[in-house]
N, C-alpha and C. Protein backbone atom coordinates (compact mmCIF):
# COMPACT_ATOMS: atom_id res chain seq x y z
N MET A 1 200.72 79.12 90.78
CA MET A 1 201.35 80.00 91.19
C MET A 1 200.29 80.55 92.14
N PHE A 2 198.76 80.64 91.57
CA PHE A 2 197.42 81.17 92.71
C PHE A 2 197.60 80.31 93.71
N PRO A 3 196.88 79.09 93.00
CA PRO A 3 196.88 78.16 94.47
C PRO A 3 197.71 78.55 95.47
N ARG A 4 198.71 78.25 94.91
CA ARG A 4 199.25 78.77 96.50
C ARG A 4 199.27 80.29 97.29
N VAL A 5 199.29 80.99 96.27
CA VAL A 5 199.09 82.63 97.12
C VAL A 5 197.72 82.82 98.04
N MET A 6 196.49 81.45 97.11
CA MET A 6 195.42 81.81 97.94
C MET A 6 195.75 80.99 99.36
N ALA A 7 196.22 79.60 99.16
CA ALA A 7 196.43 78.75 100.39
C ALA A 7 197.07 79.89 101.56
N THR A 8 198.46 80.49 100.87
CA THR A 8 199.39 81.04 102.02
C THR A 8 198.14 82.43 102.55
N THR A 9 197.43 83.03 101.74
CA THR A 9 196.06 84.17 102.13
C THR A 9 195.21 83.44 103.34
N THR A 10 194.91 82.04 102.99
CA THR A 10 194.07 81.64 103.81
C THR A 10 194.74 80.95 105.45
N ILE A 11 195.72 80.45 105.03
CA ILE A 11 196.71 80.08 106.11
C ILE A 11 196.56 81.38 106.89
N SER A 12 197.18 82.27 106.61
CA SER A 12 197.56 83.61 107.13
C SER A 12 196.38 84.50 107.95
N ARG A 13 195.08 84.03 107.26
CA ARG A 13 193.80 84.80 108.11
C ARG A 13 193.37 83.89 108.94
N VAL A 14 193.73 82.51 108.82
CA VAL A 14 193.25 81.67 109.97
C VAL A 14 193.89 81.69 111.27
N SER A 15 195.57 81.86 110.99
CA SER A 15 196.48 81.94 111.89
C SER A 15 196.22 83.28 112.63
N SER A 16 196.11 84.64 111.79
CA SER A 16 195.73 85.61 112.29
C SER A 16 194.14 85.91 113.74
N ARG A 17 193.59 84.93 113.38
CA ARG A 17 191.94 84.91 113.91
C ARG A 17 192.32 83.62 114.82
N THR A 18 192.88 82.99 114.99
CA THR A 18 193.25 81.89 115.92
C THR A 18 194.39 82.68 116.90
N TRP A 19 195.29 83.83 116.35
CA TRP A 19 195.26 84.54 117.77
C TRP A 19 195.33 85.32 118.20
N GLY A 20 194.20 85.73 117.31
CA GLY A 20 193.41 87.68 117.22
C GLY A 20 193.09 87.79 119.04
N LEU A 21 192.66 89.12 119.31
CA LEU A 21 193.11 89.59 120.38
C LEU A 21 191.51 88.98 121.05
N PRO A 22 190.59 88.79 120.02
CA PRO A 22 189.52 88.56 121.23
C PRO A 22 189.29 86.78 121.56
N ASN A 23 190.09 85.55 120.54
CA ASN A 23 190.74 84.38 121.30
C ASN A 23 191.58 84.29 122.03
N ILE A 24 192.71 85.44 122.34
CA ILE A 24 193.39 85.52 123.20
C ILE A 24 192.97 85.59 124.75
N LEU A 25 191.50 86.54 124.38
CA LEU A 25 191.02 86.83 125.58
C LEU A 25 190.24 85.58 126.03
N THR A 26 189.79 84.71 125.27
CA THR A 26 189.12 83.56 125.63
C THR A 26 190.25 82.69 126.24
N TYR A 27 190.92 82.69 125.62
CA TYR A 27 192.28 81.75 125.91
C TYR A 27 192.66 82.15 127.94
N GLY A 28 192.44 82.97 128.08
CA GLY A 28 193.15 83.80 129.23
C GLY A 28 192.03 83.50 130.06
N ARG A 29 190.70 83.60 130.24
CA ARG A 29 189.61 82.97 130.96
C ARG A 29 190.00 81.25 131.26
N VAL A 30 190.06 80.70 130.16
CA VAL A 30 190.65 79.17 130.49
C VAL A 30 191.80 79.44 130.93
N ALA A 31 193.03 80.04 130.94
CA ALA A 31 193.96 79.76 132.08
C ALA A 31 193.95 80.27 133.43
N ALA A 32 192.70 81.11 133.56
CA ALA A 32 192.07 81.92 134.95
C ALA A 32 191.30 81.11 135.71
N VAL A 33 190.88 79.48 135.29
CA VAL A 33 190.33 78.67 135.37
C VAL A 33 191.10 78.09 137.01
N PRO A 34 192.56 77.54 136.76
CA PRO A 34 193.28 77.16 137.69
C PRO A 34 193.64 78.01 138.85
N VAL A 35 194.35 79.59 138.64
CA VAL A 35 194.36 80.62 139.26
C VAL A 35 193.26 80.80 140.35
N VAL A 36 191.85 80.77 139.65
CA VAL A 36 191.20 81.07 140.42
C VAL A 36 190.42 79.51 141.76
N VAL A 37 190.79 78.46 141.26
CA VAL A 37 191.14 77.22 142.15
C VAL A 37 191.57 77.21 142.64
N GLY A 38 193.13 77.51 142.24
CA GLY A 38 194.16 77.52 143.59
C GLY A 38 194.09 78.46 144.69
N CYS A 39 193.46 79.38 144.45
CA CYS A 39 193.32 80.88 145.48
C CYS A 39 192.09 79.97 146.26
N LEU A 40 191.61 79.53 145.69
CA LEU A 40 189.82 79.07 146.82
C LEU A 40 190.73 77.50 147.56
N PHE A 41 191.55 77.27 147.14
CA PHE A 41 192.23 76.04 147.60
C PHE A 41 192.65 76.42 149.33
N TRP A 42 192.93 77.49 148.59
CA TRP A 42 194.31 78.28 150.01
C TRP A 42 193.27 79.17 150.44
N SER A 43 191.95 79.45 150.58
CA SER A 43 191.12 80.03 150.51
C SER A 43 191.43 80.86 152.87
N GLU A 44 191.89 79.80 153.00
CA GLU A 44 192.01 79.92 154.65
C GLU A 44 193.01 81.28 154.60
N ILE A 45 193.63 81.29 153.72
CA ILE A 45 194.82 82.96 153.92
C ILE A 45 193.61 83.39 153.37
N GLY A 46 192.86 84.33 154.15
CA GLY A 46 192.05 86.21 153.61
C GLY A 46 192.35 86.57 152.16
N TRP A 47 193.80 86.78 151.88
CA TRP A 47 193.97 88.04 150.94
C TRP A 47 193.83 86.87 149.50
N MET A 48 193.54 85.15 149.86
CA MET A 48 194.04 85.23 148.43
C MET A 48 192.28 84.77 147.75
N ARG A 49 191.37 85.42 148.29
CA ARG A 49 189.93 85.68 148.09
C ARG A 49 189.91 86.40 147.45
N TRP A 50 190.53 87.09 147.55
CA TRP A 50 191.04 88.55 147.23
C TRP A 50 191.24 88.26 145.39
N VAL A 51 192.18 87.77 145.62
CA VAL A 51 193.46 87.35 144.20
C VAL A 51 192.70 86.59 143.47
N ALA A 52 191.41 85.57 144.06
CA ALA A 52 190.04 84.31 143.16
C ALA A 52 189.24 85.99 142.60
N LEU A 53 188.47 86.56 143.61
CA LEU A 53 187.17 87.48 143.25
C LEU A 53 188.34 88.64 142.02
N GLY A 54 189.50 89.13 141.94
CA GLY A 54 190.24 89.90 141.06
C GLY A 54 190.69 88.84 139.62
N VAL A 55 190.97 87.87 139.69
CA VAL A 55 191.40 87.23 138.67
C VAL A 55 189.92 86.90 138.36
N PHE A 56 188.51 86.34 138.79
CA PHE A 56 187.71 86.06 138.38
C PHE A 56 186.69 87.00 137.47
N ILE A 57 186.78 88.25 137.89
CA ILE A 57 186.14 89.60 137.87
C ILE A 57 186.53 89.98 136.18
N ALA A 58 188.40 89.75 136.30
CA ALA A 58 188.92 89.94 134.86
C ALA A 58 188.51 88.90 133.88
N ALA A 59 188.34 87.19 134.37
CA ALA A 59 187.64 86.07 133.41
C ALA A 59 186.27 87.11 132.91
N GLY A 60 185.32 87.64 133.82
CA GLY A 60 184.10 87.74 133.61
C GLY A 60 183.87 89.10 132.58
N ILE A 61 185.28 89.72 132.77
CA ILE A 61 184.93 91.12 132.04
C ILE A 61 185.13 90.38 130.35
N THR A 62 186.40 89.46 129.88
CA THR A 62 186.47 89.41 128.94
C THR A 62 185.39 88.48 128.26
N ASP A 63 184.75 88.04 128.66
CA ASP A 63 183.46 86.77 128.41
C ASP A 63 182.56 88.06 127.83
N PHE A 64 182.08 89.36 128.26
CA PHE A 64 181.21 90.01 127.59
C PHE A 64 182.65 91.11 126.30
N LEU A 65 184.05 90.77 126.64
CA LEU A 65 184.74 91.76 125.75
C LEU A 65 184.91 90.82 124.43
N ASP A 66 185.50 89.61 124.52
CA ASP A 66 185.63 88.79 123.69
C ASP A 66 184.58 88.44 122.24
N GLY A 67 183.39 88.26 122.23
CA GLY A 67 182.50 88.52 121.63
C GLY A 67 182.29 89.96 120.93
N TYR A 68 182.51 90.99 121.76
CA TYR A 68 182.10 92.04 121.02
C TYR A 68 182.93 92.85 119.91
N LEU A 69 184.65 92.35 120.79
CA LEU A 69 185.84 92.28 119.72
C LEU A 69 185.78 91.74 118.43
N ALA A 70 185.29 90.58 118.50
CA ALA A 70 185.46 89.43 117.50
C ALA A 70 184.60 90.55 116.55
N ARG A 71 183.23 90.84 116.62
CA ARG A 71 182.06 91.54 115.71
C ARG A 71 182.76 92.48 115.52
N ALA A 72 183.55 93.85 115.98
CA ALA A 72 184.44 94.96 115.84
C ALA A 72 185.41 94.59 114.93
N LEU A 73 185.95 93.62 115.20
CA LEU A 73 187.53 93.50 114.23
C LEU A 73 187.08 92.43 113.48
N SER A 74 186.05 92.26 113.00
CA SER A 74 185.98 91.40 111.85
C SER A 74 186.85 89.73 112.19
N GLN A 75 187.02 89.54 113.44
CA GLN A 75 187.70 88.23 113.75
C GLN A 75 187.12 87.31 114.06
N GLN A 76 185.68 86.61 113.71
CA GLN A 76 185.14 85.87 114.00
C GLN A 76 185.70 84.28 113.80
N SER A 77 186.28 83.79 114.84
CA SER A 77 186.81 82.05 114.41
C SER A 77 185.65 81.31 114.50
N THR A 78 185.80 79.42 114.09
CA THR A 78 185.15 78.60 114.13
C THR A 78 185.65 77.77 115.55
N LEU A 79 187.22 78.60 115.84
CA LEU A 79 187.46 78.13 116.99
C LEU A 79 186.76 78.79 118.02
N GLY A 80 187.19 80.41 118.13
CA GLY A 80 186.84 80.85 119.07
C GLY A 80 185.08 80.99 119.36
N GLN A 81 184.64 80.72 118.26
CA GLN A 81 182.82 79.82 118.97
C GLN A 81 182.27 78.85 119.14
N MET A 82 183.46 77.99 119.38
CA MET A 82 183.64 76.43 120.27
C MET A 82 183.79 76.90 121.18
N LEU A 83 185.46 77.73 121.78
CA LEU A 83 186.07 77.64 122.61
C LEU A 83 185.57 78.72 124.24
N ASP A 84 184.64 79.63 123.31
CA ASP A 84 184.09 80.24 124.19
C ASP A 84 182.59 80.01 125.38
N PRO A 85 182.17 79.08 124.73
CA PRO A 85 181.32 78.76 125.90
C PRO A 85 181.53 77.80 126.47
N ILE A 86 182.57 77.09 126.56
CA ILE A 86 183.38 75.88 126.93
C ILE A 86 184.17 76.64 128.30
N ALA A 87 184.78 77.74 127.77
CA ALA A 87 185.84 78.61 128.90
C ALA A 87 184.46 79.06 129.86
N ASP A 88 183.47 79.49 129.46
CA ASP A 88 182.45 80.17 130.59
C ASP A 88 181.98 78.76 131.57
N LYS A 89 181.75 77.97 130.78
CA LYS A 89 181.72 76.53 132.02
C LYS A 89 182.48 75.99 132.40
N LEU A 90 183.71 75.92 131.91
CA LEU A 90 184.65 75.76 132.75
C LEU A 90 184.86 76.39 134.02
N LEU A 91 184.68 77.67 133.79
CA LEU A 91 185.24 78.81 135.11
C LEU A 91 183.70 78.42 135.97
N VAL A 92 182.50 78.68 135.24
CA VAL A 92 181.62 78.46 136.48
C VAL A 92 181.37 77.00 137.58
N ALA A 93 181.82 76.08 136.16
CA ALA A 93 181.61 74.80 137.33
C ALA A 93 182.84 74.56 138.50
N ALA A 94 183.88 75.21 137.84
CA ALA A 94 185.21 75.06 138.99
C ALA A 94 184.52 75.98 140.12
N VAL A 95 184.17 76.57 139.92
CA VAL A 95 184.50 77.95 140.80
C VAL A 95 183.28 77.48 141.87
N LEU A 96 182.30 76.94 141.61
CA LEU A 96 180.87 76.32 142.19
C LEU A 96 181.23 75.01 142.94
N MET A 97 182.55 74.28 142.28
CA MET A 97 182.92 72.81 143.09
C MET A 97 183.46 73.46 144.27
N MET A 98 184.96 74.62 144.40
CA MET A 98 184.98 74.97 145.03
C MET A 98 184.50 75.39 146.28
N LEU A 99 183.33 76.58 146.09
CA LEU A 99 182.80 77.06 147.32
C LEU A 99 181.68 76.08 147.59
N VAL A 100 181.13 74.83 146.83
CA VAL A 100 180.55 73.55 147.58
C VAL A 100 181.99 73.07 148.29
N ALA A 101 182.92 73.15 147.89
CA ALA A 101 183.74 72.41 149.28
C ALA A 101 184.47 73.27 150.30
N ASP A 102 184.17 74.62 150.03
CA ASP A 102 184.81 75.39 151.36
C ASP A 102 183.23 75.58 152.09
N HIS A 103 182.48 74.88 151.80
CA HIS A 103 181.23 75.16 152.90
C HIS A 103 180.30 76.48 152.28
N THR A 104 180.91 77.22 151.39
CA THR A 104 180.55 78.69 150.80
C THR A 104 178.73 78.31 150.75
N ILE A 105 178.69 77.59 149.72
CA ILE A 105 177.43 77.54 149.37
C ILE A 105 177.13 75.55 149.77
N GLU A 106 176.17 75.89 150.76
CA GLU A 106 175.95 74.42 151.65
C GLU A 106 174.21 74.63 151.45
N SER A 107 173.76 73.07 152.59
CA SER A 107 172.67 73.14 152.08
C SER A 107 171.63 73.29 151.27
N TYR A 108 170.60 73.97 151.65
CA TYR A 108 169.24 74.13 150.36
C TYR A 108 170.01 74.66 149.58
N SER A 109 171.02 75.49 149.46
CA SER A 109 172.03 76.27 148.49
C SER A 109 172.51 75.35 147.41
N LEU A 110 172.83 73.75 148.32
CA LEU A 110 173.46 72.83 146.65
C LEU A 110 172.49 72.17 145.74
N SER A 111 171.20 72.67 146.14
CA SER A 111 170.25 72.32 145.22
C SER A 111 170.45 73.67 143.98
N ALA A 112 170.45 74.89 144.03
CA ALA A 112 170.53 75.87 142.73
C ALA A 112 171.84 75.33 142.32
N ALA A 113 173.05 74.67 143.19
CA ALA A 113 174.13 74.47 142.11
C ALA A 113 174.27 73.41 141.36
N ILE A 114 173.07 72.35 141.90
CA ILE A 114 172.56 70.95 141.15
C ILE A 114 172.02 71.55 139.45
N VAL A 115 171.30 72.75 140.31
CA VAL A 115 170.37 72.66 138.86
C VAL A 115 171.00 73.90 137.88
N ILE A 116 171.93 74.45 138.10
CA ILE A 116 173.36 75.11 137.27
C ILE A 116 173.92 74.31 136.84
N LEU A 117 174.62 73.15 137.07
CA LEU A 117 175.42 72.16 136.37
C LEU A 117 174.66 71.28 135.59
N CYS A 118 173.53 70.89 136.01
CA CYS A 118 172.67 70.08 135.03
C CYS A 118 172.06 70.60 133.85
N ARG A 119 171.88 72.29 133.79
CA ARG A 119 171.43 72.83 132.91
C ARG A 119 172.55 73.18 131.87
N GLU A 120 173.92 73.32 132.20
CA GLU A 120 174.67 73.47 131.53
C GLU A 120 175.09 72.50 130.69
N ILE A 121 175.27 71.23 131.70
CA ILE A 121 176.10 69.79 130.49
C ILE A 121 174.31 69.85 129.51
N LEU A 122 172.78 70.08 130.17
CA LEU A 122 171.90 69.68 129.39
C LEU A 122 171.72 70.52 128.11
N VAL A 123 172.27 71.56 127.92
CA VAL A 123 172.62 72.89 127.05
C VAL A 123 173.52 72.15 125.89
N SER A 124 174.63 71.97 127.17
CA SER A 124 176.08 71.45 125.96
C SER A 124 175.94 70.37 124.84
N GLY A 125 175.12 69.50 125.66
CA GLY A 125 174.39 68.44 125.06
C GLY A 125 173.83 68.46 123.82
N LEU A 126 172.40 69.10 124.44
CA LEU A 126 171.76 69.88 123.13
C LEU A 126 172.29 70.60 121.61
N ARG A 127 173.32 71.41 122.53
CA ARG A 127 174.07 72.03 121.31
C ARG A 127 175.08 70.79 120.50
N GLU A 128 175.41 69.86 120.93
CA GLU A 128 176.30 69.43 120.24
C GLU A 128 175.39 68.22 119.50
N PHE A 129 174.43 67.77 119.97
CA PHE A 129 173.29 66.88 119.05
C PHE A 129 172.97 67.99 117.74
N LEU A 130 172.50 68.80 118.12
CA LEU A 130 172.32 69.87 116.81
C LEU A 130 172.95 70.45 116.25
N ALA A 131 174.38 70.39 116.52
CA ALA A 131 175.58 70.85 115.23
C ALA A 131 175.40 69.76 114.41
N GLU A 132 175.03 68.27 114.87
CA GLU A 132 175.14 67.14 113.76
C GLU A 132 174.39 67.90 112.51
N LEU A 133 173.06 68.17 113.35
CA LEU A 133 171.87 68.35 112.21
C LEU A 133 171.99 69.92 111.32
N LYS A 134 172.88 70.49 111.46
CA LYS A 134 173.35 71.98 110.99
C LYS A 134 172.36 72.60 111.69
N VAL A 135 172.03 72.45 112.66
CA VAL A 135 171.07 73.77 113.62
C VAL A 135 171.66 73.90 114.45
N SER A 136 171.87 75.70 114.54
CA SER A 136 172.17 76.35 116.26
C SER A 136 171.10 76.90 116.58
N ILE A 137 171.20 76.97 117.82
CA ILE A 137 170.35 77.92 119.02
C ILE A 137 170.85 79.06 119.66
N PRO A 138 170.23 80.60 118.97
CA PRO A 138 171.05 81.82 119.28
C PRO A 138 170.49 81.64 120.75
N VAL A 139 171.62 82.81 121.21
CA VAL A 139 171.56 82.92 123.15
C VAL A 139 170.48 83.84 123.20
N SER A 140 169.68 83.59 123.94
CA SER A 140 168.87 84.67 124.01
C SER A 140 169.07 85.81 124.97
N LYS A 141 168.45 86.85 125.29
CA LYS A 141 168.48 88.02 126.17
C LYS A 141 168.43 87.34 127.30
N ILE A 142 167.49 86.94 127.34
CA ILE A 142 167.25 86.14 128.95
C ILE A 142 168.68 85.43 129.48
N ALA A 143 169.18 84.70 128.79
CA ALA A 143 170.51 83.56 128.75
C ALA A 143 171.26 84.43 129.38
N LYS A 144 171.55 85.58 128.53
CA LYS A 144 172.59 86.47 128.74
C LYS A 144 172.73 87.44 129.77
N TRP A 145 171.50 87.02 130.70
CA TRP A 145 171.46 88.32 131.69
C TRP A 145 171.28 87.32 132.73
N LYS A 146 171.21 85.95 132.76
CA LYS A 146 171.10 84.96 133.55
C LYS A 146 172.89 84.47 133.55
N THR A 147 173.34 85.15 132.67
CA THR A 147 174.80 85.02 133.22
C THR A 147 175.35 85.77 133.45
N MET A 148 175.02 86.69 133.31
CA MET A 148 175.72 87.61 134.18
C MET A 148 175.20 88.18 136.16
N MET A 149 173.76 87.29 135.74
CA MET A 149 173.54 87.63 137.49
C MET A 149 174.57 86.61 137.95
N GLN A 150 174.72 85.12 137.42
CA GLN A 150 175.52 84.03 137.38
C GLN A 150 176.88 84.60 138.18
N LEU A 151 177.37 85.33 137.26
CA LEU A 151 178.74 85.63 137.87
C LEU A 151 178.87 86.86 138.58
N VAL A 152 178.19 87.73 139.28
CA VAL A 152 178.02 88.62 140.24
C VAL A 152 177.76 87.77 141.17
N ALA A 153 176.90 86.81 141.06
CA ALA A 153 176.18 85.99 142.55
C ALA A 153 177.67 85.42 142.85
N LEU A 154 178.12 84.69 141.97
CA LEU A 154 179.60 84.06 142.24
C LEU A 154 180.37 85.02 143.05
N GLY A 155 180.39 86.32 142.23
CA GLY A 155 181.70 87.32 142.85
C GLY A 155 181.51 87.27 144.18
N PHE A 156 180.31 87.52 144.38
CA PHE A 156 180.08 88.08 146.25
C PHE A 156 180.69 86.96 146.97
N LEU A 157 179.78 85.41 146.34
CA LEU A 157 180.23 84.38 147.74
C LEU A 157 181.72 83.76 147.12
N ILE A 158 182.61 84.37 146.37
CA ILE A 158 183.94 84.34 146.17
C ILE A 158 184.58 85.16 147.42
N ALA A 159 184.54 86.55 147.74
CA ALA A 159 184.62 86.95 148.43
C ALA A 159 184.25 86.36 150.10
N GLY A 160 182.92 86.11 150.24
CA GLY A 160 182.94 85.20 151.45
C GLY A 160 183.37 85.87 152.59
N PRO A 161 183.70 85.16 153.58
CA PRO A 161 183.82 85.33 154.90
C PRO A 161 184.54 86.72 154.72
N SER A 162 185.74 87.11 153.88
CA SER A 162 186.46 88.03 153.69
C SER A 162 185.97 89.29 153.04
N GLY A 163 184.53 89.03 152.65
CA GLY A 163 183.76 90.16 151.87
C GLY A 163 182.55 90.75 153.17
N GLU A 164 182.70 90.01 154.17
CA GLU A 164 181.76 90.06 155.26
C GLU A 164 182.74 91.10 156.22
N GLU A 165 183.70 91.41 156.17
CA GLU A 165 184.45 92.24 157.11
C GLU A 165 184.21 93.90 156.19
N ILE A 166 184.28 93.77 155.32
CA ILE A 166 184.09 95.04 154.62
C ILE A 166 182.79 95.14 154.95
N LEU A 167 181.73 94.29 153.84
CA LEU A 167 180.34 94.45 153.89
C LEU A 167 179.41 93.59 154.18
N PRO A 168 178.85 94.12 155.32
CA PRO A 168 178.19 92.77 155.85
C PRO A 168 176.90 92.41 155.63
N GLY A 169 176.46 91.93 155.06
CA GLY A 169 175.36 90.78 154.11
C GLY A 169 176.19 90.19 152.89
N THR A 170 177.47 90.35 152.83
CA THR A 170 178.37 89.45 151.46
C THR A 170 177.53 88.42 151.28
N LEU A 171 177.20 88.07 151.71
CA LEU A 171 177.28 86.19 151.71
C LEU A 171 175.57 86.18 151.19
N ILE A 172 174.87 87.21 152.24
CA ILE A 172 173.63 86.69 151.76
C ILE A 172 173.20 87.29 150.55
N ILE A 173 173.93 88.54 150.26
CA ILE A 173 173.68 89.45 148.46
C ILE A 173 173.95 87.88 147.52
N GLY A 174 175.26 87.24 147.93
CA GLY A 174 175.62 86.31 147.11
C GLY A 174 174.54 84.72 146.88
N LEU A 175 174.12 84.97 147.94
CA LEU A 175 173.30 83.76 147.96
C LEU A 175 171.92 83.80 147.00
N THR A 176 171.41 85.24 147.78
CA THR A 176 170.34 85.65 146.96
C THR A 176 170.49 85.49 145.17
N LEU A 177 171.56 86.10 145.28
CA LEU A 177 171.50 86.26 143.87
C LEU A 177 171.46 85.11 143.25
N PHE A 178 172.44 84.13 143.46
CA PHE A 178 172.41 82.27 143.16
C PHE A 178 171.56 82.01 142.90
N TRP A 179 170.47 81.93 143.72
CA TRP A 179 169.36 81.56 143.66
C TRP A 179 168.23 81.91 142.60
N LEU A 180 168.06 83.13 142.06
CA LEU A 180 167.91 84.13 141.24
C LEU A 180 168.79 83.18 139.84
N SER A 181 169.62 83.33 139.96
CA SER A 181 170.51 82.73 138.02
C SER A 181 170.34 81.74 138.84
N ALA A 182 169.74 81.09 139.89
CA ALA A 182 169.40 79.28 139.39
C ALA A 182 167.90 79.22 138.70
N LEU A 183 166.89 79.92 139.38
CA LEU A 183 165.57 79.96 138.63
C LEU A 183 165.97 80.56 137.19
N LEU A 184 166.88 81.32 136.81
CA LEU A 184 167.05 81.91 135.73
C LEU A 184 166.78 80.24 134.88
N THR A 185 168.03 79.81 135.38
CA THR A 185 168.77 79.31 134.65
C THR A 185 167.69 77.80 133.62
N LEU A 186 166.76 77.59 135.10
CA LEU A 186 165.93 76.84 134.75
C LEU A 186 165.11 76.95 133.69
N TYR A 187 164.41 78.39 133.83
CA TYR A 187 163.71 78.80 132.52
C TYR A 187 164.80 78.86 131.26
N THR A 188 165.63 79.14 131.42
CA THR A 188 166.42 79.30 130.39
C THR A 188 166.73 77.74 129.62
N GLY A 189 167.14 77.01 130.51
CA GLY A 189 167.13 75.47 130.14
C GLY A 189 165.86 74.71 129.55
N TRP A 190 165.20 75.19 130.10
CA TRP A 190 163.59 74.46 129.29
C TRP A 190 163.37 75.42 127.97
N ASP A 191 163.33 76.54 128.21
CA ASP A 191 163.57 77.46 126.67
C ASP A 191 164.30 76.93 125.51
N TYR A 192 165.52 76.42 125.94
CA TYR A 192 166.77 75.62 124.64
C TYR A 192 166.06 74.60 124.64
N LEU A 193 165.20 73.84 126.03
CA LEU A 193 164.89 72.15 125.68
C LEU A 193 163.74 72.15 124.34
N LYS A 194 162.97 72.94 124.50
CA LYS A 194 161.93 73.31 123.52
C LYS A 194 162.33 73.72 122.63
N ALA A 195 163.41 74.85 121.91
CA ALA A 195 163.41 74.95 121.01
C ALA A 195 164.69 73.43 120.16
N GLY A 196 165.46 72.82 121.14
CA GLY A 196 165.96 71.86 120.61
C GLY A 196 164.69 71.17 119.96
N MET A 197 163.68 70.29 120.57
CA MET A 197 163.01 69.24 120.99
C MET A 197 162.05 69.72 119.55
N LYS A 198 162.30 70.82 119.36
CA LYS A 198 161.22 71.20 117.57
C LYS A 198 162.04 70.55 116.65
N HIS A 199 163.54 70.52 116.31
CA HIS A 199 164.34 70.34 115.39
C HIS A 199 164.68 68.41 115.78
N VAL A 200 164.44 68.63 116.82
CA VAL A 200 164.49 66.58 116.81
C VAL A 200 162.80 66.02 116.56
N SER A 201 161.99 66.56 116.72
CA SER A 201 160.65 65.91 116.41
C SER A 201 160.64 66.15 114.79
N GLY A 202 160.93 67.11 114.61
CA GLY A 202 160.69 67.19 113.03
C GLY A 202 159.67 68.38 112.91
N GLU A 203 159.03 69.09 114.03
CA GLU A 203 158.21 70.19 113.98
C GLU A 203 158.26 71.12 113.08
């Protein structure tokens, strides 16, 4: 009887964490990806950019809320830890591709987009490899600032031409922040690589 009660309690706890508020926010961020992509695909309709921006901002807010709520409500879960960075990377990568496609990001700024995408792939691969060694690399404060600047930059770029009508210089602000986030991306990527290589080389 006791094993059954314990099993039921364990399943109940897992289920409550799986569908807890922090994970629901993360699920929402994943669901926001096709919505933002769809809006940017039809960005020639001016108001669609504003819809894309609104959904993107909401998704960005959930990025900061889900981790906080998971700790505050004691609802940390393995699923949440896995899905949270995936949701972030899906959102950033999808938005970058759409902004390149509509020429909001072009010319030399393409190199900044490539740096950001390559860094995300590098860190994801490194984390996956180190997970097999039972090693985790904590997110640094600089990496958190990088993420925040990246999201703000993409927000300005999503507004794009529509934003220029309200705030002249929207694109310049967005591209400037975009380049700054790319530089921070290089720094944090190298930082993660050095930390990972210590475990790989056994130092």
